[in-house]
């Protein structure tokens, strides 16, 4: 009997649920099949993107995408409508703050996490409050704080969605 945790089966069930108008969570052999959480990681430094990608991809049901600046990220965000986006503050072409503003205007359901190595904790607190339900993480702390911050924002998003239903 096929294991529904296998990717092809999970994708088929998600596709079927979407085309049949059903909930994306179905009981399957005693487990729930969950809609994948989409998370773009946006940083102009490839090493940082790859490091954060490898950290986040370990989480079950998280699909990680990468972009090298805010402009490229916005194109991708409009396509995939992510749950959470991780944005470096300082990038060429479009900064993380500019991109976060655009995200809040075009996909307000997407939660934002700003990251940087250039800000003090006080400045970081101000940046984190710029956008509702957002967070700021120092790059040096991303290894231990990023997954819990994303999890916290996903809980907020689920509560908000449940309250509207």
Protein backbone atom coordinates (compact mmCIF):
# COMPACT_ATOMS: atom_id res chain seq x y z
CA UNK A 1 0.00 0.00 0.00
CA UNK A 2 1.49 3.39 -0.93
CA UNK A 3 2.65 5.70 1.83
CA UNK A 4 0.82 9.04 1.52
CA UNK A 5 3.84 10.89 2.86
CA UNK A 6 5.60 10.11 -0.41
CA UNK A 7 5.83 13.28 -2.48
CA UNK A 8 3.98 12.05 -5.62
CA UNK A 9 1.01 10.88 -3.55
CA UNK A 10 0.94 14.08 -1.50
CA UNK A 11 1.01 16.21 -4.66
CA UNK A 12 -1.76 14.15 -6.23
CA UNK A 13 -3.94 14.54 -3.15
CA UNK A 14 -3.28 18.29 -3.02
CA UNK A 15 -4.10 18.59 -6.72
CA UNK A 16 -7.25 16.50 -6.32
CA UNK A 17 -8.40 18.51 -3.31
CA UNK A 18 -7.88 21.75 -5.19
CA UNK A 19 -9.77 20.61 -8.29
CA UNK A 20 -12.57 19.04 -6.28
CA UNK A 21 -12.98 22.06 -4.00
CA UNK A 22 -12.06 20.03 -0.94
CA UNK A 23 -9.96 20.99 2.06
CA UNK A 24 -6.21 20.67 1.46
CA UNK A 25 -5.96 18.51 4.60
CA UNK A 26 -7.22 14.96 4.21
CA UNK A 27 -6.85 12.00 6.56
CA UNK A 28 -4.63 9.49 4.83
CA UNK A 29 -3.66 6.25 6.48
CA UNK A 30 -4.03 7.87 9.88
CA UNK A 31 -2.13 11.05 9.00
CA UNK A 32 -3.05 14.46 7.67
CA UNK A 33 -1.69 15.52 4.33
CA UNK A 34 -0.80 19.18 4.62
CA UNK A 35 -0.53 21.88 2.03
CA UNK A 36 3.16 22.78 1.78
CA UNK A 37 4.27 26.02 3.39
CA UNK A 38 5.96 28.24 0.80
CA UNK A 39 8.91 30.33 2.00
CA UNK A 40 11.12 32.45 -0.27
CA UNK A 41 14.54 33.34 1.16
CA UNK A 42 15.79 36.63 -0.31
CA UNK A 43 19.38 37.76 0.14
CA UNK A 44 21.98 39.16 -2.24
CA UNK A 45 24.66 36.92 -0.76
CA UNK A 46 24.45 33.44 -2.25
CA UNK A 47 26.18 31.86 0.76
CA UNK A 48 23.51 33.26 3.11
CA UNK A 49 20.67 32.11 0.83
CA UNK A 50 22.10 28.59 0.59
CA UNK A 51 22.75 28.37 4.32
CA UNK A 52 19.22 29.49 5.22
CA UNK A 53 17.77 27.23 2.53
CA UNK A 54 19.57 24.19 3.96
CA UNK A 55 18.35 25.10 7.46
CA UNK A 56 14.71 25.54 6.45
CA UNK A 57 14.38 22.66 3.99
CA UNK A 58 14.78 20.24 6.92
CA UNK A 59 11.29 21.15 8.11
CA UNK A 60 8.51 18.85 6.94
CA UNK A 61 6.06 20.44 4.49
CA UNK A 62 8.19 23.57 3.90
CA UNK A 63 9.04 24.45 0.30
CA UNK A 64 11.94 26.88 0.12
CA UNK A 65 12.57 29.24 -2.78
CA UNK A 66 15.49 31.62 -3.33
CA UNK A 67 15.88 35.10 -4.85
CA UNK A 68 18.87 37.43 -4.98
CA UNK A 69 17.06 40.75 -4.48
CA UNK A 70 13.68 42.27 -3.70
CA UNK A 71 12.76 42.86 -7.33
CA UNK A 72 13.28 39.21 -8.32
CA UNK A 73 11.53 38.11 -5.13
CA UNK A 74 8.40 40.15 -5.87
CA UNK A 75 8.00 38.46 -9.25
CA UNK A 76 8.25 35.06 -7.58
CA UNK A 77 6.00 36.06 -4.66
CA UNK A 78 3.22 37.06 -7.06
CA UNK A 79 3.50 33.61 -8.69
CA UNK A 80 3.62 31.39 -5.61
CA UNK A 81 1.76 33.48 -2.97
CA UNK A 82 4.01 32.37 -0.09
CA UNK A 83 3.05 31.99 3.55
CA UNK A 84 6.19 33.67 4.89
CA UNK A 85 9.02 35.54 3.18
CA UNK A 86 12.51 36.01 4.65
CA UNK A 87 14.05 39.27 3.39
CA UNK A 88 17.52 40.70 3.88
CA UNK A 89 17.18 44.41 4.63
CA UNK A 90 20.14 45.64 2.55
CA UNK A 91 20.16 44.44 -1.09
CA UNK A 92 20.82 46.00 -4.50
CA UNK A 93 17.98 46.96 -6.88
CA UNK A 94 15.28 46.74 -4.19
CA UNK A 95 15.89 46.59 -0.45
CA UNK A 96 14.14 44.22 1.88
CA UNK A 97 12.13 47.07 3.39
CA UNK A 98 10.89 48.17 -0.04
CA UNK A 99 10.06 44.57 -0.91
CA UNK A 100 8.28 44.06 2.44
CA UNK A 101 6.14 47.12 1.74
CA UNK A 102 5.22 45.75 -1.72
CA UNK A 103 4.43 42.35 -0.21
CA UNK A 104 2.13 43.97 2.36
CA UNK A 105 0.31 45.81 -0.45
CA UNK A 106 -0.07 42.92 -2.93
CA UNK A 107 -0.15 39.78 -0.79
CA UNK A 108 -1.11 40.96 2.73
CA UNK A 109 -1.62 37.37 3.92
CA UNK A 110 2.14 36.77 3.50
CA UNK A 111 4.10 37.23 6.73
CA UNK A 112 7.49 38.94 6.62
CA UNK A 113 10.75 38.24 8.43
CA UNK A 114 13.47 40.84 7.96
CA UNK A 115 17.09 39.77 8.50
CA UNK A 116 20.27 41.81 8.63
CA UNK A 117 23.68 42.00 10.23
CA UNK A 118 23.80 45.81 10.21
CA UNK A 119 21.25 46.81 12.86
CA UNK A 120 21.35 47.14 16.64
CA UNK A 121 18.67 45.37 18.71
CA UNK A 122 16.88 48.71 19.17
CA UNK A 123 16.85 49.44 15.44
CA UNK A 124 15.76 45.87 14.80
CA UNK A 125 12.76 46.28 17.12
CA UNK A 126 11.67 49.35 15.15
CA UNK A 127 12.09 47.50 11.84
CA UNK A 128 10.10 44.53 13.15
CA UNK A 129 7.18 46.80 14.00
CA UNK A 130 7.04 48.44 10.56
CA UNK A 131 4.87 45.63 9.25
CA UNK A 132 2.14 43.95 11.27
CA UNK A 133 2.84 40.34 12.22
CA UNK A 134 6.44 40.61 11.10
CA UNK A 135 9.72 39.83 12.79
CA UNK A 136 13.35 40.92 12.66
CA UNK A 137 16.27 38.55 13.17
CA UNK A 138 19.97 39.30 13.26
CA UNK A 139 21.74 37.15 10.65
CA UNK A 140 24.09 35.92 13.35
CA UNK A 141 21.07 34.53 15.24
CA UNK A 142 19.23 33.06 12.24
CA UNK A 143 20.46 29.52 12.95
CA UNK A 144 18.57 29.37 16.23
CA UNK A 145 15.81 31.97 15.77
CA UNK A 146 14.58 31.63 12.18
CA UNK A 147 12.66 28.34 12.40
CA UNK A 148 10.88 29.36 15.67
CA UNK A 149 10.03 32.78 14.18
CA UNK A 150 8.54 31.22 11.04
CA UNK A 151 6.60 28.72 13.14
CA UNK A 152 5.24 31.55 15.30
CA UNK A 153 4.13 33.55 12.23
CA UNK A 154 2.49 30.46 10.73
CA UNK A 155 0.51 29.99 13.96
CA UNK A 156 -0.62 33.62 13.81
CA UNK A 157 -1.62 33.16 10.19
CA UNK A 158 -3.63 30.00 11.00
CA UNK A 159 -5.40 31.74 13.91
CA UNK A 160 -6.25 34.71 11.71
CA UNK A 161 -7.59 32.43 8.97
CA UNK A 162 -9.61 30.39 11.49
CA UNK A 163 -11.11 33.56 13.02
CA UNK A 164 -12.27 34.71 9.58
CA UNK A 165 -13.88 31.33 8.80
